[in-house]
Amino acid sequence: MAKAWEKVERQATSTIQEGERDEVNPWVERTQWLPCLVGMERADLIACIEEPIAEPDPRSNNKTEPIEAAIWAAMSGLTRFSQALVIKRVGMFVLLEAIRTKKH
């Protein structure tokens, strides 16, 4: 019985439950992602956003992912370029106001 209870408690803390809204970013809240994430394991989601390994490391037995690493680097560069362009074109105050703005 104790093992079954531990499993239930572990699942309750590692599986995203419906209605969880801990520190939700306003932009993420607008996308309504929570219903899509219900039932997913936090560890699996975190594994999806880890940076892929581009170069082999002899001290580690992790598998290298050069194609995924190239895509990661390209998207990172695009994000940085877009952020810099927005700040340059509209200014930091407009960007901060857009981040602060709530629905409606």
PDB file of N, CA and C in Angstrom:
ATOM      1  N   MET A   1       0.828  -1.189   0.000  1.00  0.00           N
ATOM      2  CA  MET A   1       0.000   0.000   0.000  1.00  0.00           C
ATOM      3  C   MET A   1       0.871   1.251   0.000  1.00  0.00           C
ATOM      4  N   ALA A   2       1.965   1.203   0.768  1.00  0.00           N
ATOM      5  CA  ALA A   2       2.862   2.366   0.840  1.00  0.00           C
ATOM      6  C   ALA A   2       3.499   2.641  -0.516  1.00  0.00           C
ATOM      7  N   LYS A   3       3.894   1.582  -1.222  1.00  0.00           N
ATOM      8  CA  LYS A   3       4.494   1.768  -2.547  1.00  0.00           C
ATOM      9  C   LYS A   3       3.491   2.360  -3.529  1.00  0.00           C
ATOM     10  N   ALA A   4       2.253   1.898  -3.459  1.00  0.00           N
ATOM     11  CA  ALA A   4       1.213   2.436  -4.342  1.00  0.00           C
ATOM     12  C   ALA A   4       0.966   3.905  -4.050  1.00  0.00           C
ATOM     13  N   TRP A   5       0.954   4.263  -2.768  1.00  0.00           N
ATOM     14  CA  TRP A   5       0.747   5.660  -2.392  1.00  0.00           C
ATOM     15  C   TRP A   5       1.905   6.533  -2.861  1.00  0.00           C
ATOM     16  N   GLU A   6       3.146   6.035  -2.734  1.00  0.00           N
ATOM     17  CA  GLU A   6       4.314   6.774  -3.219  1.00  0.00           C
ATOM     18  C   GLU A   6       4.212   7.013  -4.720  1.00  0.00           C
ATOM     19  N   LYS A   7       3.763   6.001  -5.449  1.00  0.00           N
ATOM     20  CA  LYS A   7       3.614   6.143  -6.904  1.00  0.00           C
ATOM     21  C   LYS A   7       2.581   7.210  -7.237  1.00  0.00           C
ATOM     22  N   VAL A   8       1.478   7.231  -6.520  1.00  0.00           N
ATOM     23  CA  VAL A   8       0.436   8.243  -6.747  1.00  0.00           C
ATOM     24  C   VAL A   8       0.976   9.631  -6.447  1.00  0.00           C
ATOM     25  N   GLU A   9       1.699   9.778  -5.345  1.00  0.00           N
ATOM     26  CA  GLU A   9       2.263  11.086  -4.985  1.00  0.00           C
ATOM     27  C   GLU A   9       3.298  11.542  -6.011  1.00  0.00           C
ATOM     28  N   ARG A  10       4.159  10.620  -6.468  1.00  0.00           N
ATOM     29  CA  ARG A  10       5.177  10.949  -7.455  1.00  0.00           C
ATOM     30  C   ARG A  10       4.534  11.394  -8.767  1.00  0.00           C
ATOM     31  N   GLN A  11       3.478  10.697  -9.171  1.00  0.00           N
ATOM     32  CA  GLN A  11       2.791  11.056 -10.407  1.00  0.00           C
ATOM     33  C   GLN A  11       2.104  12.413 -10.268  1.00  0.00           C
ATOM     34  N   ALA A  12       1.577  12.700  -9.103  1.00  0.00           N
ATOM     35  CA  ALA A  12       0.907  13.987  -8.880  1.00  0.00           C
ATOM     36  C   ALA A  12       1.882  15.150  -8.979  1.00  0.00           C
ATOM     37  N   THR A  13       3.138  14.938  -8.610  1.00  0.00           N
ATOM     38  CA  THR A  13       4.109  16.026  -8.670  1.00  0.00           C
ATOM     39  C   THR A  13       4.843  16.094  -9.995  1.00  0.00           C
ATOM     40  N   SER A  14       4.850  15.003 -10.775  1.00  0.00           N
ATOM     41  CA  SER A  14       5.592  15.018 -12.027  1.00  0.00           C
ATOM     42  C   SER A  14       4.713  15.148 -13.259  1.00  0.00           C
ATOM     43  N   THR A  15       3.420  14.880 -13.132  1.00  0.00           N
ATOM     44  CA  THR A  15       2.500  14.978 -14.263  1.00  0.00           C
ATOM     45  C   THR A  15       1.745  16.292 -14.171  1.00  0.00           C
ATOM     46  N   ILE A  16       1.638  16.986 -15.286  1.00  0.00           N
ATOM     47  CA  ILE A  16       0.927  18.258 -15.316  1.00  0.00           C
ATOM     48  C   ILE A  16      -0.568  17.974 -15.181  1.00  0.00           C
ATOM     49  N   GLN A  17      -1.182  18.646 -14.213  1.00  0.00           N
ATOM     50  CA  GLN A  17      -2.595  18.451 -13.924  1.00  0.00           C
ATOM     51  C   GLN A  17      -3.404  19.595 -14.526  1.00  0.00           C
ATOM     52  N   GLU A  18      -4.649  19.337 -14.788  1.00  0.00           N
ATOM     53  CA  GLU A  18      -5.529  20.378 -15.306  1.00  0.00           C
ATOM     54  C   GLU A  18      -5.711  21.451 -14.237  1.00  0.00           C
ATOM     55  N   GLY A  19      -5.627  22.698 -14.650  1.00  0.00           N
ATOM     56  CA  GLY A  19      -5.829  23.805 -13.737  1.00  0.00           C
ATOM     57  C   GLY A  19      -4.573  24.345 -13.097  1.00  0.00           C
ATOM     58  N   GLU A  20      -3.405  23.738 -13.316  1.00  0.00           N
ATOM     59  CA  GLU A  20      -2.155  24.263 -12.763  1.00  0.00           C
ATOM     60  C   GLU A  20      -1.799  25.556 -13.489  1.00  0.00           C
ATOM     61  N   ARG A  21      -1.491  26.583 -12.734  1.00  0.00           N
ATOM     62  CA  ARG A  21      -1.145  27.853 -13.348  1.00  0.00           C
ATOM     63  C   ARG A  21      -0.052  28.533 -12.544  1.00  0.00           C
ATOM     64  N   ASP A  22       0.949  27.802 -12.160  1.00  0.00           N
ATOM     65  CA  ASP A  22       2.023  28.352 -11.354  1.00  0.00           C
ATOM     66  C   ASP A  22       2.917  29.247 -12.200  1.00  0.00           C
ATOM     67  N   GLU A  23       2.953  30.520 -11.865  1.00  0.00           N
ATOM     68  CA  GLU A  23       3.844  31.487 -12.505  1.00  0.00           C
ATOM     69  C   GLU A  23       3.768  31.429 -14.025  1.00  0.00           C
ATOM     70  N   VAL A  24       2.573  31.461 -14.572  1.00  0.00           N
ATOM     71  CA  VAL A  24       2.402  31.407 -16.021  1.00  0.00           C
ATOM     72  C   VAL A  24       2.708  32.774 -16.612  1.00  0.00           C
ATOM     73  N   ASN A  25       3.558  32.783 -17.616  1.00  0.00           N
ATOM     74  CA  ASN A  25       3.877  33.994 -18.346  1.00  0.00           C
ATOM     75  C   ASN A  25       2.625  34.438 -19.100  1.00  0.00           C
ATOM     76  N   PRO A  26       2.309  35.752 -19.121  1.00  0.00           N
ATOM     77  CA  PRO A  26       1.095  36.205 -19.815  1.00  0.00           C
ATOM     78  C   PRO A  26       1.042  35.789 -21.292  1.00  0.00           C
ATOM     79  N   TRP A  27       2.181  35.759 -21.941  1.00  0.00           N
ATOM     80  CA  TRP A  27       2.186  35.365 -23.359  1.00  0.00           C
ATOM     81  C   TRP A  27       1.889  33.881 -23.504  1.00  0.00           C
ATOM     82  N   VAL A  28       2.409  33.064 -22.599  1.00  0.00           N
ATOM     83  CA  VAL A  28       2.125  31.633 -22.637  1.00  0.00           C
ATOM     84  C   VAL A  28       0.657  31.395 -22.296  1.00  0.00           C
ATOM     85  N   GLU A  29       0.130  32.189 -21.376  1.00  0.00           N
ATOM     86  CA  GLU A  29      -1.272  32.055 -20.996  1.00  0.00           C
ATOM     87  C   GLU A  29      -2.188  32.347 -22.184  1.00  0.00           C
ATOM     88  N   ARG A  30      -1.827  33.333 -23.000  1.00  0.00           N
ATOM     89  CA  ARG A  30      -2.645  33.667 -24.166  1.00  0.00           C
ATOM     90  C   ARG A  30      -2.703  32.537 -25.183  1.00  0.00           C
ATOM     91  N   THR A  31      -1.672  31.745 -25.257  1.00  0.00           N
ATOM     92  CA  THR A  31      -1.651  30.647 -26.231  1.00  0.00           C
ATOM     93  C   THR A  31      -2.531  29.485 -25.810  1.00  0.00           C
ATOM     94  N   GLN A  32      -2.971  29.485 -24.541  1.00  0.00           N
ATOM     95  CA  GLN A  32      -3.829  28.414 -24.012  1.00  0.00           C
ATOM     96  C   GLN A  32      -3.160  27.045 -24.111  1.00  0.00           C
ATOM     97  N   TRP A  33      -1.876  26.967 -23.732  1.00  0.00           N
ATOM     98  CA  TRP A  33      -1.133  25.728 -23.807  1.00  0.00           C
ATOM     99  C   TRP A  33      -1.501  24.739 -22.718  1.00  0.00           C
ATOM    100  N   LEU A  34      -2.002  25.214 -21.592  1.00  0.00           N
ATOM    101  CA  LEU A  34      -2.255  24.308 -20.465  1.00  0.00           C
ATOM    102  C   LEU A  34      -3.127  23.109 -20.834  1.00  0.00           C
ATOM    103  N   PRO A  35      -4.251  23.285 -21.535  1.00  0.00           N
ATOM    104  CA  PRO A  35      -5.039  22.096 -21.887  1.00  0.00           C
ATOM    105  C   PRO A  35      -4.259  21.083 -22.743  1.00  0.00           C
ATOM    106  N   CYS A  36      -3.337  21.572 -23.561  1.00  0.00           N
ATOM    107  CA  CYS A  36      -2.534  20.662 -24.407  1.00  0.00           C
ATOM    108  C   CYS A  36      -1.488  19.910 -23.594  1.00  0.00           C
ATOM    109  N   LEU A  37      -1.060  20.470 -22.476  1.00  0.00           N
ATOM    110  CA  LEU A  37       0.000  19.863 -21.678  1.00  0.00           C
ATOM    111  C   LEU A  37      -0.508  18.919 -20.598  1.00  0.00           C
ATOM    112  N   VAL A  38      -1.811  18.931 -20.347  1.00  0.00           N
ATOM    113  CA  VAL A  38      -2.372  18.091 -19.279  1.00  0.00           C
ATOM    114  C   VAL A  38      -2.045  16.628 -19.549  1.00  0.00           C
ATOM    115  N   GLY A  39      -1.520  15.972 -18.531  1.00  0.00           N
ATOM    116  CA  GLY A  39      -1.181  14.564 -18.622  1.00  0.00           C
ATOM    117  C   GLY A  39       0.253  14.297 -19.048  1.00  0.00           C
ATOM    118  N   MET A  40       0.970  15.318 -19.460  1.00  0.00           N
ATOM    119  CA  MET A  40       2.358  15.129 -19.879  1.00  0.00           C
ATOM    120  C   MET A  40       3.282  15.170 -18.663  1.00  0.00           C
ATOM    121  N   GLU A  41       4.377  14.436 -18.761  1.00  0.00           N
ATOM    122  CA  GLU A  41       5.358  14.392 -17.686  1.00  0.00           C
ATOM    123  C   GLU A  41       6.314  15.573 -17.808  1.00  0.00           C
ATOM    124  N   ARG A  42       6.592  16.243 -16.688  1.00  0.00           N
ATOM    125  CA  ARG A  42       7.503  17.383 -16.691  1.00  0.00           C
ATOM    126  C   ARG A  42       8.900  16.998 -17.193  1.00  0.00           C
ATOM    127  N   ALA A  43       9.388  15.844 -16.774  1.00  0.00           N
ATOM    128  CA  ALA A  43      10.732  15.412 -17.187  1.00  0.00           C
ATOM    129  C   ALA A  43      10.818  15.249 -18.699  1.00  0.00           C
ATOM    130  N   ASP A  44       9.766  14.723 -19.329  1.00  0.00           N
ATOM    131  CA  ASP A  44       9.753  14.565 -20.784  1.00  0.00           C
ATOM    132  C   ASP A  44       9.767  15.920 -21.484  1.00  0.00           C
ATOM    133  N   LEU A  45       9.016  16.875 -20.943  1.00  0.00           N
ATOM    134  CA  LEU A  45       8.996  18.216 -21.542  1.00  0.00           C
ATOM    135  C   LEU A  45      10.349  18.899 -21.409  1.00  0.00           C
ATOM    136  N   ILE A  46      10.978  18.759 -20.256  1.00  0.00           N
ATOM    137  CA  ILE A  46      12.288  19.364 -20.050  1.00  0.00           C
ATOM    138  C   ILE A  46      13.312  18.744 -20.989  1.00  0.00           C
ATOM    139  N   ALA A  47      13.221  17.448 -21.213  1.00  0.00           N
ATOM    140  CA  ALA A  47      14.142  16.780 -22.142  1.00  0.00           C
ATOM    141  C   ALA A  47      13.982  17.319 -23.566  1.00  0.00           C
ATOM    142  N   CYS A  48      12.791  17.765 -23.914  1.00  0.00           N
ATOM    143  CA  CYS A  48      12.543  18.302 -25.261  1.00  0.00           C
ATOM    144  C   CYS A  48      13.220  19.642 -25.500  1.00  0.00           C
ATOM    145  N   ILE A  49      13.518  20.389 -24.439  1.00  0.00           N
ATOM    146  CA  ILE A  49      14.098  21.714 -24.635  1.00  0.00           C
ATOM    147  C   ILE A  49      15.574  21.786 -24.276  1.00  0.00           C
ATOM    148  N   GLU A  50      16.180  20.646 -23.975  1.00  0.00           N
ATOM    149  CA  GLU A  50      17.613  20.638 -23.689  1.00  0.00           C
ATOM    150  C   GLU A  50      18.395  20.851 -24.975  1.00  0.00           C
ATOM    151  N   GLU A  51      19.475  21.610 -24.864  1.00  0.00           N
ATOM    152  CA  GLU A  51      20.298  21.881 -26.036  1.00  0.00           C
ATOM    153  C   GLU A  51      20.939  20.590 -26.538  1.00  0.00           C
ATOM    154  N   PRO A  52      20.829  20.313 -27.845  1.00  0.00           N
ATOM    155  CA  PRO A  52      21.432  19.093 -28.375  1.00  0.00           C
ATOM    156  C   PRO A  52      22.954  19.172 -28.384  1.00  0.00           C
ATOM    157  N   ILE A  53      23.592  18.023 -28.312  1.00  0.00           N
ATOM    158  CA  ILE A  53      25.053  17.948 -28.263  1.00  0.00           C
ATOM    159  C   ILE A  53      25.590  17.959 -29.688  1.00  0.00           C
ATOM    160  N   ALA A  54      26.440  18.930 -30.004  1.00  0.00           N
ATOM    161  CA  ALA A  54      26.986  19.051 -31.355  1.00  0.00           C
ATOM    162  C   ALA A  54      28.292  18.290 -31.505  1.00  0.00           C
ATOM    163  N   GLU A  55      29.163  18.412 -30.524  1.00  0.00           N
ATOM    164  CA  GLU A  55      30.488  17.780 -30.582  1.00  0.00           C
ATOM    165  C   GLU A  55      30.568  16.639 -29.575  1.00  0.00           C
ATOM    166  N   PRO A  56      31.194  15.526 -29.958  1.00  0.00           N
ATOM    167  CA  PRO A  56      31.329  14.418 -29.005  1.00  0.00           C
ATOM    168  C   PRO A  56      32.244  14.787 -27.842  1.00  0.00           C
ATOM    169  N   ASP A  57      31.901  14.315 -26.668  1.00  0.00           N
ATOM    170  CA  ASP A  57      32.697  14.556 -25.469  1.00  0.00           C
ATOM    171  C   ASP A  57      33.160  13.199 -24.945  1.00  0.00           C
ATOM    172  N   PRO A  58      34.483  12.952 -24.951  1.00  0.00           N
ATOM    173  CA  PRO A  58      34.967  11.629 -24.515  1.00  0.00           C
ATOM    174  C   PRO A  58      34.650  11.320 -23.051  1.00  0.00           C
ATOM    175  N   ARG A  59      34.417  12.348 -22.235  1.00  0.00           N
ATOM    176  CA  ARG A  59      34.104  12.125 -20.822  1.00  0.00           C
ATOM    177  C   ARG A  59      32.650  11.737 -20.608  1.00  0.00           C
ATOM    178  N   SER A  60      31.844  11.877 -21.642  1.00  0.00           N
ATOM    179  CA  SER A  60      30.419  11.607 -21.518  1.00  0.00           C
ATOM    180  C   SER A  60      30.010  10.578 -22.574  1.00  0.00           C
ATOM    181  N   ASN A  61      29.035   9.770 -22.253  1.00  0.00           N
ATOM    182  CA  ASN A  61      28.569   8.792 -23.228  1.00  0.00           C
ATOM    183  C   ASN A  61      27.263   9.232 -23.889  1.00  0.00           C
ATOM    184  N   ASN A  62      26.976  10.548 -23.868  1.00  0.00           N
ATOM    185  CA  ASN A  62      25.776  11.072 -24.507  1.00  0.00           C
ATOM    186  C   ASN A  62      25.918  11.039 -26.019  1.00  0.00           C
ATOM    187  N   LYS A  63      24.834  10.780 -26.697  1.00  0.00           N
ATOM    188  CA  LYS A  63      24.824  10.699 -28.149  1.00  0.00           C
ATOM    189  C   LYS A  63      24.866  12.110 -28.753  1.00  0.00           C
ATOM    190  N   THR A  64      25.706  12.298 -29.774  1.00  0.00           N
ATOM    191  CA  THR A  64      25.765  13.599 -30.439  1.00  0.00           C
ATOM    192  C   THR A  64      24.625  13.723 -31.442  1.00  0.00           C
ATOM    193  N   GLU A  65      24.164  14.964 -31.604  1.00  0.00           N
ATOM    194  CA  GLU A  65      23.064  15.265 -32.514  1.00  0.00           C
ATOM    195  C   GLU A  65      23.437  16.486 -33.348  1.00  0.00           C
ATOM    196  N   PRO A  66      24.330  16.339 -34.337  1.00  0.00           N
ATOM    197  CA  PRO A  66      24.812  17.505 -35.071  1.00  0.00           C
ATOM    198  C   PRO A  66      23.725  18.230 -35.867  1.00  0.00           C
ATOM    199  N   ILE A  67      22.775  17.495 -36.437  1.00  0.00           N
ATOM    200  CA  ILE A  67      21.708  18.148 -37.216  1.00  0.00           C
ATOM    201  C   ILE A  67      20.807  18.949 -36.289  1.00  0.00           C
ATOM    202  N   GLU A  68      20.426  18.346 -35.167  1.00  0.00           N
ATOM    203  CA  GLU A  68      19.587  19.056 -34.196  1.00  0.00           C
ATOM    204  C   GLU A  68      20.317  20.269 -33.631  1.00  0.00           C
ATOM    205  N   ALA A  69      21.633  20.136 -33.415  1.00  0.00           N
ATOM    206  CA  ALA A  69      22.423  21.258 -32.904  1.00  0.00           C
ATOM    207  C   ALA A  69      22.467  22.397 -33.904  1.00  0.00           C
ATOM    208  N   ALA A  70      22.559  22.086 -35.204  1.00  0.00           N
ATOM    209  CA  ALA A  70      22.562  23.131 -36.235  1.00  0.00           C
ATOM    210  C   ALA A  70      21.225  23.861 -36.275  1.00  0.00           C
ATOM    211  N   ILE A  71      20.124  23.117 -36.163  1.00  0.00           N
ATOM    212  CA  ILE A  71      18.803  23.748 -36.130  1.00  0.00           C
ATOM    213  C   ILE A  71      18.666  24.611 -34.885  1.00  0.00           C
ATOM    214  N   TRP A  72      19.155  24.105 -33.751  1.00  0.00           N
ATOM    215  CA  TRP A  72      19.117  24.846 -32.483  1.00  0.00           C
ATOM    216  C   TRP A  72      19.864  26.176 -32.643  1.00  0.00           C
ATOM    217  N   ALA A  73      21.068  26.128 -33.225  1.00  0.00           N
ATOM    218  CA  ALA A  73      21.884  27.338 -33.404  1.00  0.00           C
ATOM    219  C   ALA A  73      21.201  28.321 -34.350  1.00  0.00           C
ATOM    220  N   ALA A  74      20.591  27.815 -35.426  1.00  0.00           N
ATOM    221  CA  ALA A  74      19.909  28.698 -36.374  1.00  0.00           C
ATOM    222  C   ALA A  74      18.719  29.395 -35.721  1.00  0.00           C
ATOM    223  N   MET A  75      17.918  28.657 -34.960  1.00  0.00           N
ATOM    224  CA  MET A  75      16.759  29.256 -34.295  1.00  0.00           C
ATOM    225  C   MET A  75      17.185  30.234 -33.207  1.00  0.00           C
ATOM    226  N   SER A  76      18.270  29.915 -32.529  1.00  0.00           N
ATOM    227  CA  SER A  76      18.793  30.828 -31.515  1.00  0.00           C
ATOM    228  C   SER A  76      19.231  32.139 -32.161  1.00  0.00           C
ATOM    229  N   GLY A  77      19.934  32.043 -33.288  1.00  0.00           N
ATOM    230  CA  GLY A  77      20.359  33.248 -34.004  1.00  0.00           C
ATOM    231  C   GLY A  77      19.190  34.056 -34.504  1.00  0.00           C
ATOM    232  N   LEU A  78      18.160  33.387 -35.022  1.00  0.00           N
ATOM    233  CA  LEU A  78      16.961  34.076 -35.501  1.00  0.00           C
ATOM    234  C   LEU A  78      16.266  34.806 -34.359  1.00  0.00           C
ATOM    235  N   THR A  79      16.186  34.156 -33.198  1.00  0.00           N
ATOM    236  CA  THR A  79      15.555  34.782 -32.034  1.00  0.00           C
ATOM    237  C   THR A  79      16.320  36.019 -31.597  1.00  0.00           C
ATOM    238  N   ARG A  80      17.637  35.910 -31.498  1.00  0.00           N
ATOM    239  CA  ARG A  80      18.445  37.065 -31.100  1.00  0.00           C
ATOM    240  C   ARG A  80      18.317  38.204 -32.101  1.00  0.00           C
ATOM    241  N   PHE A  81      18.348  37.882 -33.389  1.00  0.00           N
ATOM    242  CA  PHE A  81      18.217  38.897 -34.433  1.00  0.00           C
ATOM    243  C   PHE A  81      16.866  39.583 -34.339  1.00  0.00           C
ATOM    244  N   SER A  82      15.797  38.805 -34.155  1.00  0.00           N
ATOM    245  CA  SER A  82      14.450  39.373 -34.061  1.00  0.00           C
ATOM    246  C   SER A  82      14.311  40.284 -32.851  1.00  0.00           C
ATOM    247  N   GLN A  83      14.848  39.851 -31.707  1.00  0.00           N
ATOM    248  CA  GLN A  83      14.767  40.682 -30.509  1.00  0.00           C
ATOM    249  C   GLN A  83      15.537  41.984 -30.695  1.00  0.00           C
ATOM    250  N   ALA A  84      16.728  41.902 -31.280  1.00  0.00           N
ATOM    251  CA  ALA A  84      17.528  43.108 -31.499  1.00  0.00           C
ATOM    252  C   ALA A  84      16.824  44.048 -32.471  1.00  0.00           C
ATOM    253  N   LEU A  85      16.196  43.496 -33.500  1.00  0.00           N
ATOM    254  CA  LEU A  85      15.502  44.319 -34.491  1.00  0.00           C
ATOM    255  C   LEU A  85      14.309  45.029 -33.870  1.00  0.00           C
ATOM    256  N   VAL A  86      13.551  44.314 -33.042  1.00  0.00           N
ATOM    257  CA  VAL A  86      12.393  44.924 -32.394  1.00  0.00           C
ATOM    258  C   VAL A  86      12.841  46.066 -31.493  1.00  0.00           C
ATOM    259  N   ILE A  87      13.889  45.842 -30.711  1.00  0.00           N
ATOM    260  CA  ILE A  87      14.377  46.894 -29.810  1.00  0.00           C
ATOM    261  C   ILE A  87      14.871  48.089 -30.611  1.00  0.00           C
ATOM    262  N   LYS A  88      15.559  47.819 -31.711  1.00  0.00           N
ATOM    263  CA  LYS A  88      16.112  48.901 -32.538  1.00  0.00           C
ATOM    264  C   LYS A  88      15.006  49.688 -33.230  1.00  0.00           C
ATOM    265  N   ARG A  89      13.980  48.995 -33.726  1.00  0.00           N
ATOM    266  CA  ARG A  89      12.920  49.654 -34.499  1.00  0.00           C
ATOM    267  C   ARG A  89      11.889  50.366 -33.629  1.00  0.00           C
ATOM    268  N   VAL A  90      11.429  49.716 -32.564  1.00  0.00           N
ATOM    269  CA  VAL A  90      10.347  50.303 -31.783  1.00  0.00           C
ATOM    270  C   VAL A  90      10.797  50.826 -30.432  1.00  0.00           C
ATOM    271  N   GLY A  91      11.949  50.434 -29.982  1.00  0.00           N
ATOM    272  CA  GLY A  91      12.449  50.914 -28.709  1.00  0.00           C
ATOM    273  C   GLY A  91      12.139  49.980 -27.563  1.00  0.00           C
ATOM    274  N   MET A  92      12.948  50.076 -26.551  1.00  0.00           N
ATOM    275  CA  MET A  92      12.840  49.202 -25.396  1.00  0.00           C
ATOM    276  C   MET A  92      11.542  49.426 -24.624  1.00  0.00           C
ATOM    277  N   PHE A  93      11.070  50.674 -24.537  1.00  0.00           N
ATOM    278  CA  PHE A  93       9.873  50.951 -23.752  1.00  0.00           C
ATOM    279  C   PHE A  93       8.636  50.313 -24.376  1.00  0.00           C
ATOM    280  N   VAL A  94       8.552  50.319 -25.693  1.00  0.00           N
ATOM    281  CA  VAL A  94       7.416  49.680 -26.357  1.00  0.00           C
ATOM    282  C   VAL A  94       7.482  48.167 -26.142  1.00  0.00           C
ATOM    283  N   LEU A  95       8.676  47.603 -26.227  1.00  0.00           N
ATOM    284  CA  LEU A  95       8.841  46.169 -25.999  1.00  0.00           C
ATOM    285  C   LEU A  95       8.428  45.796 -24.576  1.00  0.00           C
ATOM    286  N   LEU A  96       8.867  46.575 -23.598  1.00  0.00           N
ATOM    287  CA  LEU A  96       8.494  46.296 -22.211  1.00  0.00           C
ATOM    288  C   LEU A  96       6.993  46.441 -21.997  1.00  0.00           C
ATOM    289  N   GLU A  97       6.385  47.419 -22.640  1.00  0.00           N
ATOM    290  CA  GLU A  97       4.944  47.605 -22.521  1.00  0.00           C
ATOM    291  C   GLU A  97       4.199  46.428 -23.141  1.00  0.00           C
ATOM    292  N   ALA A  98       4.696  45.921 -24.267  1.00  0.00           N
ATOM    293  CA  ALA A  98       4.069  44.765 -24.899  1.00  0.00           C
ATOM    294  C   ALA A  98       4.164  43.543 -24.000  1.00  0.00           C
ATOM    295  N   ILE A  99       5.261  43.386 -23.326  1.00  0.00           N
ATOM    296  CA  ILE A  99       5.424  42.252 -22.420  1.00  0.00           C
ATOM    297  C   ILE A  99       4.503  42.391 -21.219  1.00  0.00           C
ATOM    298  N   ARG A 100       4.328  43.625 -20.749  1.00  0.00           N
ATOM    299  CA  ARG A 100       3.511  43.861 -19.564  1.00  0.00           C
ATOM    300  C   ARG A 100       2.005  43.802 -19.838  1.00  0.00           C
ATOM    301  N   THR A 101       1.619  44.051 -21.075  1.00  0.00           N
ATOM    302  CA  THR A 101       0.201  44.146 -21.418  1.00  0.00           C
ATOM    303  C   THR A 101      -0.528  42.841 -21.156  1.00  0.00           C
ATOM    304  N   LYS A 102      -1.657  42.955 -20.536  1.00  0.00           N
ATOM    305  CA  LYS A 102      -2.486  41.783 -20.249  1.00  0.00           C
ATOM    306  C   LYS A 102      -3.574  41.655 -21.311  1.00  0.00           C
ATOM    307  N   LYS A 103      -4.315  40.554 -21.239  1.00  0.00           N
ATOM    308  CA  LYS A 103      -5.440  40.372 -22.163  1.00  0.00           C
ATOM    309  C   LYS A 103      -6.444  41.504 -21.970  1.00  0.00           C
ATOM    310  N   HIS A 104      -7.104  41.868 -23.064  1.00  0.00           N
ATOM    311  CA  HIS A 104      -8.148  42.877 -23.084  1.00  0.00           C
ATOM    312  C   HIS A 104      -7.611  44.219 -22.654  1.00  0.00           C
TER     313      HIS A 104
END
